[in-house]
Amino acid sequence: MKEIDLGFLIARFSHFYAVSPDAVLETPIRRFWFMNGCIERIMAQKDMRALTVAAASQSGEGAKQYREKLCLDMGEIYVMNEFYDAPPVSKRDEAGFQALKDMC
């Protein structure tokens, strides 16, 4: 390697990982080069996801299948126990609703 634009690499690292330039300079050199090398891989992974979403959205069935895949990838966030008391479902007061409509 003949030249390295270290200013750009530090700025890119700082921006991508949301750390200050001073924090970048305090990063051990092996970790800096490892994490700097991962930036392109992480961005490629995000771009692949965006490309897949764009392609899947071109058809209703494709979007549905991709949504199901994402739900599987995401996994369960929480599981409710069977003793959960759901709030009662209230019914609309039809007479009151009609009275409001008649005011207009």
C-alpha atoms as a PDB file:
ATOM      1  CA  MET A   1       0.000   0.000   0.000  1.00  0.00           C
ATOM      2  CA  LYS A   2       1.442   3.311  -1.044  1.00  0.00           C
ATOM      3  CA  GLU A   3      -0.839   5.812   0.708  1.00  0.00           C
ATOM      4  CA  ILE A   4      -3.690   5.761   3.220  1.00  0.00           C
ATOM      5  CA  ASP A   5      -6.178   8.583   3.690  1.00  0.00           C
ATOM      6  CA  LEU A   6      -6.277   8.145   7.456  1.00  0.00           C
ATOM      7  CA  GLY A   7      -8.442  11.240   7.944  1.00  0.00           C
ATOM      8  CA  PHE A   8     -11.152   9.707   5.757  1.00  0.00           C
ATOM      9  CA  LEU A   9     -10.906   6.323   7.492  1.00  0.00           C
ATOM     10  CA  ILE A  10     -11.197   7.935  10.925  1.00  0.00           C
ATOM     11  CA  ALA A  11     -14.152  10.078   9.780  1.00  0.00           C
ATOM     12  CA  ARG A  12     -15.883   7.059   8.203  1.00  0.00           C
ATOM     13  CA  PHE A  13     -15.353   4.927  11.322  1.00  0.00           C
ATOM     14  CA  SER A  14     -16.580   7.768  13.527  1.00  0.00           C
ATOM     15  CA  HIS A  15     -19.685   8.301  11.383  1.00  0.00           C
ATOM     16  CA  PHE A  16     -20.579   4.651  10.898  1.00  0.00           C
ATOM     17  CA  TYR A  17     -20.178   3.567  14.520  1.00  0.00           C
ATOM     18  CA  ALA A  18     -21.431   6.906  15.923  1.00  0.00           C
ATOM     19  CA  VAL A  19     -18.376   7.563  18.063  1.00  0.00           C
ATOM     20  CA  SER A  20     -16.270  10.676  18.387  1.00  0.00           C
ATOM     21  CA  PRO A  21     -13.032  11.009  16.437  1.00  0.00           C
ATOM     22  CA  ASP A  22     -11.221  11.012  19.786  1.00  0.00           C
ATOM     23  CA  ALA A  23     -12.791   7.656  20.624  1.00  0.00           C
ATOM     24  CA  VAL A  24     -11.612   6.326  17.253  1.00  0.00           C
ATOM     25  CA  LEU A  25      -8.072   7.449  18.023  1.00  0.00           C
ATOM     26  CA  GLU A  26      -8.244   5.604  21.359  1.00  0.00           C
ATOM     27  CA  THR A  27      -9.377   2.374  19.664  1.00  0.00           C
ATOM     28  CA  PRO A  28      -6.681  -0.317  19.661  1.00  0.00           C
ATOM     29  CA  ILE A  29      -5.175  -0.530  16.170  1.00  0.00           C
ATOM     30  CA  ARG A  30      -6.135  -4.176  15.509  1.00  0.00           C
ATOM     31  CA  ARG A  31      -9.724  -3.472  16.533  1.00  0.00           C
ATOM     32  CA  PHE A  32      -9.782  -0.330  14.376  1.00  0.00           C
ATOM     33  CA  TRP A  33      -8.684  -2.227  11.247  1.00  0.00           C
ATOM     34  CA  PHE A  34     -11.034  -5.132  11.965  1.00  0.00           C
ATOM     35  CA  MET A  35     -14.073  -2.884  12.538  1.00  0.00           C
ATOM     36  CA  ASN A  36     -13.127  -0.650   9.616  1.00  0.00           C
ATOM     37  CA  GLY A  37     -13.080  -3.726   7.389  1.00  0.00           C
ATOM     38  CA  CYS A  38     -16.534  -4.706   8.598  1.00  0.00           C
ATOM     39  CA  ILE A  39     -18.113  -1.424   7.483  1.00  0.00           C
ATOM     40  CA  GLU A  40     -18.350  -2.525   3.837  1.00  0.00           C
ATOM     41  CA  ARG A  41     -19.743  -5.923   4.826  1.00  0.00           C
ATOM     42  CA  ILE A  42     -22.405  -4.409   7.092  1.00  0.00           C
ATOM     43  CA  MET A  43     -23.383  -1.871   4.439  1.00  0.00           C
ATOM     44  CA  ALA A  44     -23.585  -4.643   1.832  1.00  0.00           C
ATOM     45  CA  GLN A  45     -25.874  -6.631   4.134  1.00  0.00           C
ATOM     46  CA  LYS A  46     -28.164  -3.612   4.583  1.00  0.00           C
ATOM     47  CA  ASP A  47     -28.155  -2.966   0.832  1.00  0.00           C
ATOM     48  CA  MET A  48     -29.047  -6.612   0.149  1.00  0.00           C
ATOM     49  CA  ARG A  49     -31.971  -6.317   2.562  1.00  0.00           C
ATOM     50  CA  ALA A  50     -33.154  -3.118   0.870  1.00  0.00           C
ATOM     51  CA  LEU A  51     -32.803  -4.694  -2.568  1.00  0.00           C
ATOM     52  CA  THR A  52     -34.774  -7.742  -1.443  1.00  0.00           C
ATOM     53  CA  VAL A  53     -37.507  -5.546   0.027  1.00  0.00           C
ATOM     54  CA  ALA A  54     -37.716  -3.522  -3.193  1.00  0.00           C
ATOM     55  CA  ALA A  55     -37.886  -6.655  -5.333  1.00  0.00           C
ATOM     56  CA  ALA A  56     -40.446  -8.346  -3.073  1.00  0.00           C
ATOM     57  CA  SER A  57     -42.654  -5.261  -3.076  1.00  0.00           C
ATOM     58  CA  GLN A  58     -43.137  -5.533  -6.835  1.00  0.00           C
ATOM     59  CA  SER A  59     -45.774  -8.215  -6.269  1.00  0.00           C
ATOM     60  CA  GLY A  60     -48.336  -8.654  -3.525  1.00  0.00           C
ATOM     61  CA  GLU A  61     -47.442 -12.314  -3.036  1.00  0.00           C
ATOM     62  CA  GLY A  62     -43.720 -11.525  -2.928  1.00  0.00           C
ATOM     63  CA  ALA A  63     -44.261  -8.856  -0.300  1.00  0.00           C
ATOM     64  CA  LYS A  64     -46.367 -11.224   1.782  1.00  0.00           C
ATOM     65  CA  GLN A  65     -43.743 -13.976   1.612  1.00  0.00           C
ATOM     66  CA  TYR A  66     -40.938 -11.592   2.489  1.00  0.00           C
ATOM     67  CA  ARG A  67     -42.911 -10.192   5.426  1.00  0.00           C
ATOM     68  CA  GLU A  68     -43.363 -13.733   6.736  1.00  0.00           C
ATOM     69  CA  LYS A  69     -39.612 -14.330   6.396  1.00  0.00           C
ATOM     70  CA  LEU A  70     -38.848 -11.111   8.283  1.00  0.00           C
ATOM     71  CA  CYS A  71     -41.230 -12.142  11.056  1.00  0.00           C
ATOM     72  CA  LEU A  72     -39.355 -15.437  11.353  1.00  0.00           C
ATOM     73  CA  ASP A  73     -36.012 -13.629  11.335  1.00  0.00           C
ATOM     74  CA  MET A  74     -37.213 -11.242  14.029  1.00  0.00           C
ATOM     75  CA  GLY A  75     -38.442 -14.020  16.307  1.00  0.00           C
ATOM     76  CA  GLU A  76     -40.723 -13.576  19.269  1.00  0.00           C
ATOM     77  CA  ILE A  77     -40.330 -10.278  21.075  1.00  0.00           C
ATOM     78  CA  TYR A  78     -42.470 -11.307  24.032  1.00  0.00           C
ATOM     79  CA  VAL A  79     -45.000 -13.990  24.893  1.00  0.00           C
ATOM     80  CA  MET A  80     -48.127 -13.178  26.883  1.00  0.00           C
ATOM     81  CA  ASN A  81     -49.228 -15.621  29.523  1.00  0.00           C
ATOM     82  CA  GLU A  82     -52.689 -17.128  29.324  1.00  0.00           C
ATOM     83  CA  PHE A  83     -53.856 -15.198  32.385  1.00  0.00           C
ATOM     84  CA  TYR A  84     -53.657 -11.814  30.666  1.00  0.00           C
ATOM     85  CA  ASP A  85     -56.936  -9.960  31.108  1.00  0.00           C
ATOM     86  CA  ALA A  86     -57.690  -8.065  27.942  1.00  0.00           C
ATOM     87  CA  PRO A  87     -59.508  -4.780  28.415  1.00  0.00           C
ATOM     88  CA  PRO A  88     -63.227  -5.078  27.793  1.00  0.00           C
ATOM     89  CA  VAL A  89     -64.367  -4.190  24.325  1.00  0.00           C
ATOM     90  CA  SER A  90     -66.687  -1.228  24.519  1.00  0.00           C
ATOM     91  CA  LYS A  91     -69.714  -0.923  22.270  1.00  0.00           C
ATOM     92  CA  ARG A  92     -70.537   2.249  20.449  1.00  0.00           C
ATOM     93  CA  ASP A  93     -73.536   4.120  21.773  1.00  0.00           C
ATOM     94  CA  GLU A  94     -75.596   4.112  18.572  1.00  0.00           C
ATOM     95  CA  ALA A  95     -78.292   6.417  19.981  1.00  0.00           C
ATOM     96  CA  GLY A  96     -75.669   8.941  21.131  1.00  0.00           C
ATOM     97  CA  PHE A  97     -73.871   8.659  17.797  1.00  0.00           C
ATOM     98  CA  GLN A  98     -77.090   9.325  15.913  1.00  0.00           C
ATOM     99  CA  ALA A  99     -77.847  12.305  18.165  1.00  0.00           C
ATOM    100  CA  LEU A 100     -74.418  13.779  17.304  1.00  0.00           C
ATOM    101  CA  LYS A 101     -75.008  13.227  13.606  1.00  0.00           C
ATOM    102  CA  ASP A 102     -78.417  14.924  13.858  1.00  0.00           C
ATOM    103  CA  MET A 103     -76.777  18.053  15.323  1.00  0.00           C
ATOM    104  CA  CYS A 104     -74.893  18.718  12.074  1.00  0.00           C
END
